Structures are given as structure tokens and as C-alpha cells.
C-alpha atoms as a PDB file:
ATOM      1  CA  MET A   1      16.765 -19.436   4.257  1.00  0.00           C
ATOM      2  CA  ILE A   2      15.540 -16.173   5.800  1.00  0.00           C
ATOM      3  CA  LYS A   3      13.560 -16.221   9.006  1.00  0.00           C
ATOM      4  CA  VAL A   4      10.650 -13.959   8.142  1.00  0.00           C
ATOM      5  CA  THR A   5       8.978 -13.504  11.488  1.00  0.00           C
ATOM      6  CA  GLU A   6      10.570 -13.180  14.888  1.00  0.00           C
ATOM      7  CA  TYR A   7       8.657 -11.753  17.802  1.00  0.00           C
ATOM      8  CA  TYR A   8      10.144 -10.463  21.021  1.00  0.00           C
ATOM      9  CA  TRP A   9       8.187  -9.955  24.227  1.00  0.00           C
ATOM     10  CA  LEU A  10       9.583  -7.136  26.326  1.00  0.00           C
ATOM     11  CA  GLY A  11       7.896  -5.241  29.101  1.00  0.00           C
ATOM     12  CA  GLY A  12       4.376  -6.183  28.032  1.00  0.00           C
ATOM     13  CA  HIS A  13       4.953  -5.276  24.374  1.00  0.00           C
ATOM     14  CA  VAL A  14       5.512  -7.471  21.332  1.00  0.00           C
ATOM     15  CA  PHE A  15       8.279  -6.316  19.005  1.00  0.00           C
ATOM     16  CA  MET A  16       8.700  -7.648  15.485  1.00  0.00           C
ATOM     17  CA  SER A  17      12.003  -8.402  13.815  1.00  0.00           C
ATOM     18  CA  SER A  18      13.150  -5.895  11.243  1.00  0.00           C
ATOM     19  CA  VAL A  19      12.019  -8.130   8.336  1.00  0.00           C
ATOM     20  CA  ALA A  20       8.518  -8.531   9.727  1.00  0.00           C
ATOM     21  CA  GLU A  21       8.337  -4.853  10.636  1.00  0.00           C
ATOM     22  CA  ARG A  22       9.410  -3.801   7.143  1.00  0.00           C
ATOM     23  CA  ARG A  23       6.745  -6.047   5.602  1.00  0.00           C
ATOM     24  CA  PHE A  24       4.132  -4.632   7.996  1.00  0.00           C
ATOM     25  CA  ARG A  25       5.052  -1.092   6.939  1.00  0.00           C
ATOM     26  CA  GLU A  26       4.877  -2.090   3.255  1.00  0.00           C
ATOM     27  CA  GLU A  27       1.362  -3.453   3.760  1.00  0.00           C
ATOM     28  CA  LEU A  28       0.304  -0.250   5.504  1.00  0.00           C
ATOM     29  CA  THR A  29       1.778   1.794   2.668  1.00  0.00           C
ATOM     30  CA  LEU A  30      -0.377  -0.109   0.185  1.00  0.00           C
ATOM     31  CA  LEU A  31      -3.474   1.273   1.940  1.00  0.00           C
ATOM     32  CA  ILE A  32      -2.515   4.942   1.428  1.00  0.00           C
ATOM     33  CA  GLN A  33      -5.024   6.680  -0.889  1.00  0.00           C
ATOM     34  CA  LYS A  34      -7.370   3.674  -0.589  1.00  0.00           C
ATOM     35  CA  VAL A  35     -10.762   3.441   1.100  1.00  0.00           C
ATOM     36  CA  VAL A  36     -10.558   1.796   4.532  1.00  0.00           C
ATOM     37  CA  THR A  37     -12.927   1.058   7.382  1.00  0.00           C
ATOM     38  CA  VAL A  38     -11.674   1.680  10.920  1.00  0.00           C
ATOM     39  CA  HIS A  39     -13.300   0.181  14.036  1.00  0.00           C
ATOM     40  CA  THR A  40     -12.418   1.956  17.279  1.00  0.00           C
ATOM     41  CA  SER A  41     -12.393   0.982  20.919  1.00  0.00           C
ATOM     42  CA  THR A  42     -15.228   3.470  21.478  1.00  0.00           C
ATOM     43  CA  GLY A  43     -17.479   1.294  19.308  1.00  0.00           C
ATOM     44  CA  LYS A  44     -17.486   3.687  16.366  1.00  0.00           C
ATOM     45  CA  THR A  45     -16.874   2.746  12.747  1.00  0.00           C
ATOM     46  CA  TYR A  46     -15.503   5.129  10.132  1.00  0.00           C
ATOM     47  CA  THR A  47     -15.035   4.607   6.404  1.00  0.00           C
ATOM     48  CA  GLY A  48     -12.907   6.962   4.323  1.00  0.00           C
ATOM     49  CA  THR A  49      -9.780   7.446   2.262  1.00  0.00           C
ATOM     50  CA  LEU A  50      -6.563   6.871   4.189  1.00  0.00           C
ATOM     51  CA  TYR A  51      -4.414   9.947   3.548  1.00  0.00           C
ATOM     52  CA  GLY A  52      -1.646   9.308   6.023  1.00  0.00           C
ATOM     53  CA  MET A  53      -0.557   7.344   9.026  1.00  0.00           C
ATOM     54  CA  ASP A  54       2.265   6.838  11.462  1.00  0.00           C
ATOM     55  CA  ALA A  55       3.346   3.192  11.302  1.00  0.00           C
ATOM     56  CA  ASN A  56       4.729   3.331  14.859  1.00  0.00           C
ATOM     57  CA  THR A  57       1.611   4.678  16.598  1.00  0.00           C
ATOM     58  CA  LEU A  58      -1.033   3.812  13.962  1.00  0.00           C
ATOM     59  CA  ASN A  59      -2.349   7.379  14.210  1.00  0.00           C
ATOM     60  CA  MET A  60      -4.344   7.910  11.019  1.00  0.00           C
ATOM     61  CA  CYS A  61      -5.662  10.727   8.880  1.00  0.00           C
ATOM     62  CA  LEU A  62      -8.806   9.878   6.910  1.00  0.00           C
ATOM     63  CA  GLY A  63     -10.547  12.027   4.334  1.00  0.00           C
ATOM     64  CA  ASN A  64     -14.084  11.958   2.917  1.00  0.00           C
ATOM     65  CA  VAL A  65     -15.176  10.007   5.988  1.00  0.00           C
ATOM     66  CA  ARG A  66     -18.584   8.553   6.715  1.00  0.00           C
ATOM     67  CA  ASP A  67     -19.482   7.196  10.145  1.00  0.00           C
ATOM     68  CA  GLU A  68     -21.925   4.348  10.826  1.00  0.00           C
ATOM     69  CA  SER A  69     -24.865   6.793  10.997  1.00  0.00           C
ATOM     70  CA  GLY A  70     -24.027   8.225   7.557  1.00  0.00           C
ATOM     71  CA  LYS A  71     -22.629  11.512   8.870  1.00  0.00           C
ATOM     72  CA  GLU A  72     -19.971  12.916   6.517  1.00  0.00           C
ATOM     73  CA  ILE A  73     -16.688  14.345   7.799  1.00  0.00           C
ATOM     74  CA  SER A  74     -14.152  15.942   5.455  1.00  0.00           C
ATOM     75  CA  ARG A  75     -11.025  15.150   7.543  1.00  0.00           C
ATOM     76  CA  MET A  76     -10.539  13.031  10.610  1.00  0.00           C
ATOM     77  CA  PHE A  77      -7.487  12.164  12.694  1.00  0.00           C
ATOM     78  CA  ILE A  78      -7.766   8.994  14.754  1.00  0.00           C
ATOM     79  CA  ASN A  79      -5.436   8.176  17.621  1.00  0.00           C
ATOM     80  CA  GLY A  80      -3.781   4.802  17.058  1.00  0.00           C
ATOM     81  CA  ARG A  81      -4.518   3.689  20.623  1.00  0.00           C
ATOM     82  CA  ALA A  82      -8.245   3.840  19.817  1.00  0.00           C
ATOM     83  CA  ILE A  83      -7.989   1.679  16.678  1.00  0.00           C
ATOM     84  CA  LEU A  84      -9.072  -1.934  17.002  1.00  0.00           C
ATOM     85  CA  GLU A  85      -9.269  -2.951  13.341  1.00  0.00           C
ATOM     86  CA  VAL A  86      -8.552  -1.519   9.911  1.00  0.00           C
ATOM     87  CA  TYR A  87      -9.992  -3.025   6.747  1.00  0.00           C
ATOM     88  CA  GLY A  88      -8.884  -2.190   3.239  1.00  0.00           C
ATOM     89  CA  LEU A  89     -11.987  -2.059   1.056  1.00  0.00           C
ATOM     90  CA  GLU A  90     -10.165  -1.793  -2.255  1.00  0.00           C
ATOM     91  CA  MET A  91      -7.840  -4.380  -3.665  1.00  0.00           C
ATOM     92  CA  ALA A  92      -4.338  -2.995  -3.241  1.00  0.00           C
ATOM     93  CA  PHE A  93      -2.306  -2.772  -6.424  1.00  0.00           C
ATOM     94  CA  ASP A  94       0.377  -5.466  -6.407  1.00  0.00           C
ATOM     95  CA  LEU A  95       3.433  -3.363  -7.178  1.00  0.00           C
ATOM     96  CA  ARG A  96       5.871  -6.188  -6.400  1.00  0.00           C
ATOM     97  CA  SER A  97       4.280  -8.605  -8.871  1.00  0.00           C
ATOM     98  CA  LEU A  98       4.372  -5.971 -11.595  1.00  0.00           C
ATOM     99  CA  ALA A  99       8.036  -5.321 -10.778  1.00  0.00           C
ATOM    100  CA  GLU A 100       8.771  -9.052 -11.130  1.00  0.00           C
ATOM    101  CA  ARG A 101       7.052  -9.041 -14.525  1.00  0.00           C
ATOM    102  CA  LEU A 102       9.032  -5.980 -15.632  1.00  0.00           C
ATOM    103  CA  GLU A 103      12.241  -7.585 -14.382  1.00  0.00           C
ATOM    104  CA  ARG A 104      11.749 -10.393 -16.925  1.00  0.00           C
ATOM    105  CA  VAL A 105      11.706  -7.820 -19.740  1.00  0.00           C
ATOM    106  CA  PHE A 106      14.300  -5.432 -18.231  1.00  0.00           C
ATOM    107  CA  PRO A 107      16.679  -7.651 -16.207  1.00  0.00           C
ATOM    108  CA  LYS A 108      18.555  -5.868 -13.387  1.00  0.00           C
ATOM    109  CA  MET A 109      17.037  -2.522 -14.390  1.00  0.00           C
ATOM    110  CA  VAL A 110      13.949  -2.458 -12.128  1.00  0.00           C
ATOM    111  CA  LYS A 111      13.704  -0.835  -8.677  1.00  0.00           C
ATOM    112  CA  VAL A 112      10.629  -0.676  -6.451  1.00  0.00           C
ATOM    113  CA  ILE A 113      10.149   2.433  -4.315  1.00  0.00           C
ATOM    114  CA  ASP A 114       7.408   1.352  -1.906  1.00  0.00           C
ATOM    115  CA  GLU A 115       7.121   4.698  -0.124  1.00  0.00           C
ATOM    116  CA  ALA A 116       6.275   6.446  -3.397  1.00  0.00           C
ATOM    117  CA  GLY A 117       4.226   3.578  -4.795  1.00  0.00           C
ATOM    118  CA  VAL A 118       6.290   3.466  -7.984  1.00  0.00           C
ATOM    119  CA  ILE A 119       8.616   1.238  -9.943  1.00  0.00           C
ATOM    120  CA  VAL A 120      11.612   2.811 -11.676  1.00  0.00           C
ATOM    121  CA  VAL A 121      12.818   1.100 -14.853  1.00  0.00           C
ATOM    122  CA  MET A 122      16.227   1.924 -16.364  1.00  0.00           C
ATOM    123  CA  ASP A 123      16.556   4.842 -13.900  1.00  0.00           C
ATOM    124  CA  LYS A 124      14.268   6.961 -16.095  1.00  0.00           C
ATOM    125  CA  ILE A 125      10.826   5.380 -16.477  1.00  0.00           C
ATOM    126  CA  ARG A 126       8.420   5.580 -13.538  1.00  0.00           C
ATOM    127  CA  VAL A 127       5.344   3.367 -13.419  1.00  0.00           C
ATOM    128  CA  GLY A 128       2.656   3.187 -10.738  1.00  0.00           C
ATOM    129  CA  GLU A 129      -0.756   1.662 -10.282  1.00  0.00           C
ATOM    130  CA  LYS A 130      -2.205   3.798 -13.098  1.00  0.00           C
ATOM    131  CA  GLY A 131       0.545   3.074 -15.666  1.00  0.00           C
ATOM    132  CA  VAL A 132       3.610   4.952 -16.867  1.00  0.00           C
ATOM    133  CA  ILE A 133       3.951   8.219 -14.959  1.00  0.00           C
ATOM    134  CA  GLU A 134       7.201   9.479 -16.429  1.00  0.00           C
ATOM    135  CA  GLY A 135       9.288   8.484 -19.425  1.00  0.00           C
ATOM    136  CA  ARG A 136       9.046   8.444 -23.204  1.00  0.00           C
ATOM    137  CA  GLY A 137      10.210   6.424 -26.128  1.00  0.00           C
ATOM    138  CA  PRO A 138      10.204   2.742 -27.057  1.00  0.00           C
ATOM    139  CA  ALA A 139      11.243   1.539 -23.590  1.00  0.00           C
ATOM    140  CA  ALA A 140       8.422   3.493 -21.901  1.00  0.00           C
ATOM    141  CA  GLU A 141       5.979   2.110 -24.474  1.00  0.00           C
ATOM    142  CA  ARG A 142       7.195  -1.412 -23.683  1.00  0.00           C
ATOM    143  CA  VAL A 143       6.772  -0.768 -19.941  1.00  0.00           C
ATOM    144  CA  GLN A 144       3.214   0.453 -20.596  1.00  0.00           C
ATOM    145  CA  LYS A 145       2.458  -2.700 -22.632  1.00  0.00           C
ATOM    146  CA  VAL A 146       3.707  -4.915 -19.791  1.00  0.00           C
ATOM    147  CA  TYR A 147       1.597  -2.856 -17.364  1.00  0.00           C
ATOM    148  CA  ASP A 148      -1.514  -3.151 -19.597  1.00  0.00           C
ATOM    149  CA  GLU A 149      -1.081  -6.920 -19.915  1.00  0.00           C
ATOM    150  CA  PHE A 150      -0.533  -7.243 -16.159  1.00  0.00           C
ATOM    151  CA  THR A 151      -3.689  -5.280 -15.270  1.00  0.00           C
ATOM    152  CA  ARG A 152      -5.799  -7.133 -17.851  1.00  0.00           C
ATOM    153  CA  GLU A 153      -4.743 -10.466 -16.360  1.00  0.00           C
ATOM    154  CA  ARG A 154      -5.529  -9.256 -12.811  1.00  0.00           C
ATOM    155  CA  ALA A 155      -8.965  -8.013 -13.878  1.00  0.00           C
ATOM    156  CA  ARG A 156     -10.012 -11.386 -15.295  1.00  0.00           C
ATOM    157  CA  PRO A 157     -12.161 -13.430 -12.933  1.00  0.00           C
ATOM    158  CA  PRO A 158     -10.445 -16.621 -11.671  1.00  0.00           C
END
């Protein structure tokens, strides 16, 4: 059994174990290129596309931003110390579940690259949240079919 969460209190700061920290970073990565709402300690609220962030400081870069008054801002950088809450407004694509599905069809030939938001099948076919990105032939067609089935099932209401 793996202990998923361990917290350490040191000098007024909480530190997560490497497993919990890795999972935290994965969740943050899922928000890249998605619309988020950020509440700050100054009482302001911003909604925009998350273009980048530093997982250590939570400094963020948002694009196509709208504040609570409706003012539009093309790019905004927010200091992580000012961030109170971040909400993802779009459902994040479940890359891991798709990888598990692909693993059933292509055993031991599936790798997830979280940082890039892609799955690599057979070291030559790349698939992301929009389908097959790279690769041709029968195997790529099969990957696309698995992807299509996966997204259809996720789109159905419960």
C-alpha cells in the first residue's frame, strides 16, 4: 500500500510528500489552456484562460481576462501570494482514464506525458484531448476509435 498524503509542518509552512506534490502539480497542469476564475486577497476576481503558472509560487499568467466589472485585459500576471482561490470552469480532460482504456487495447505500449498533455502509444502515436495528434496507419486509426468511444461515453449525461 502506498501512503498518498503526508504533510510536514516546518517553520510555519506545510510541505507535502513527493507523491502528494506530484499529484498537485498534475492537477494544476490539467488547468493549462482552460478557463479559470481567480479570487485574490485584494477582493478582485478575474476569469480568463490559464496560459502558464509556477507550481511552487502559484504565480499565474492569464489571457483573455475579464474582471468582475466586465473590463477586458489581454494578458495578466498574478502573484501567487495574492491568490486565495482558483476555480476551473471547464471540465478537465481525463488523460489518465483514456490511457487506461488504451492500455487495454495496447498492453504495455502506452505512456502518459502529463506536462505535454499527451499519451504516446507504441512510441509513435500521440493522442491528446482533441484526438490523435501524430501517427498514421491502422494502429493510429484504432487509437482514434478508442478516443472517439471514450469521449462519447464521457459526453453522455449520467
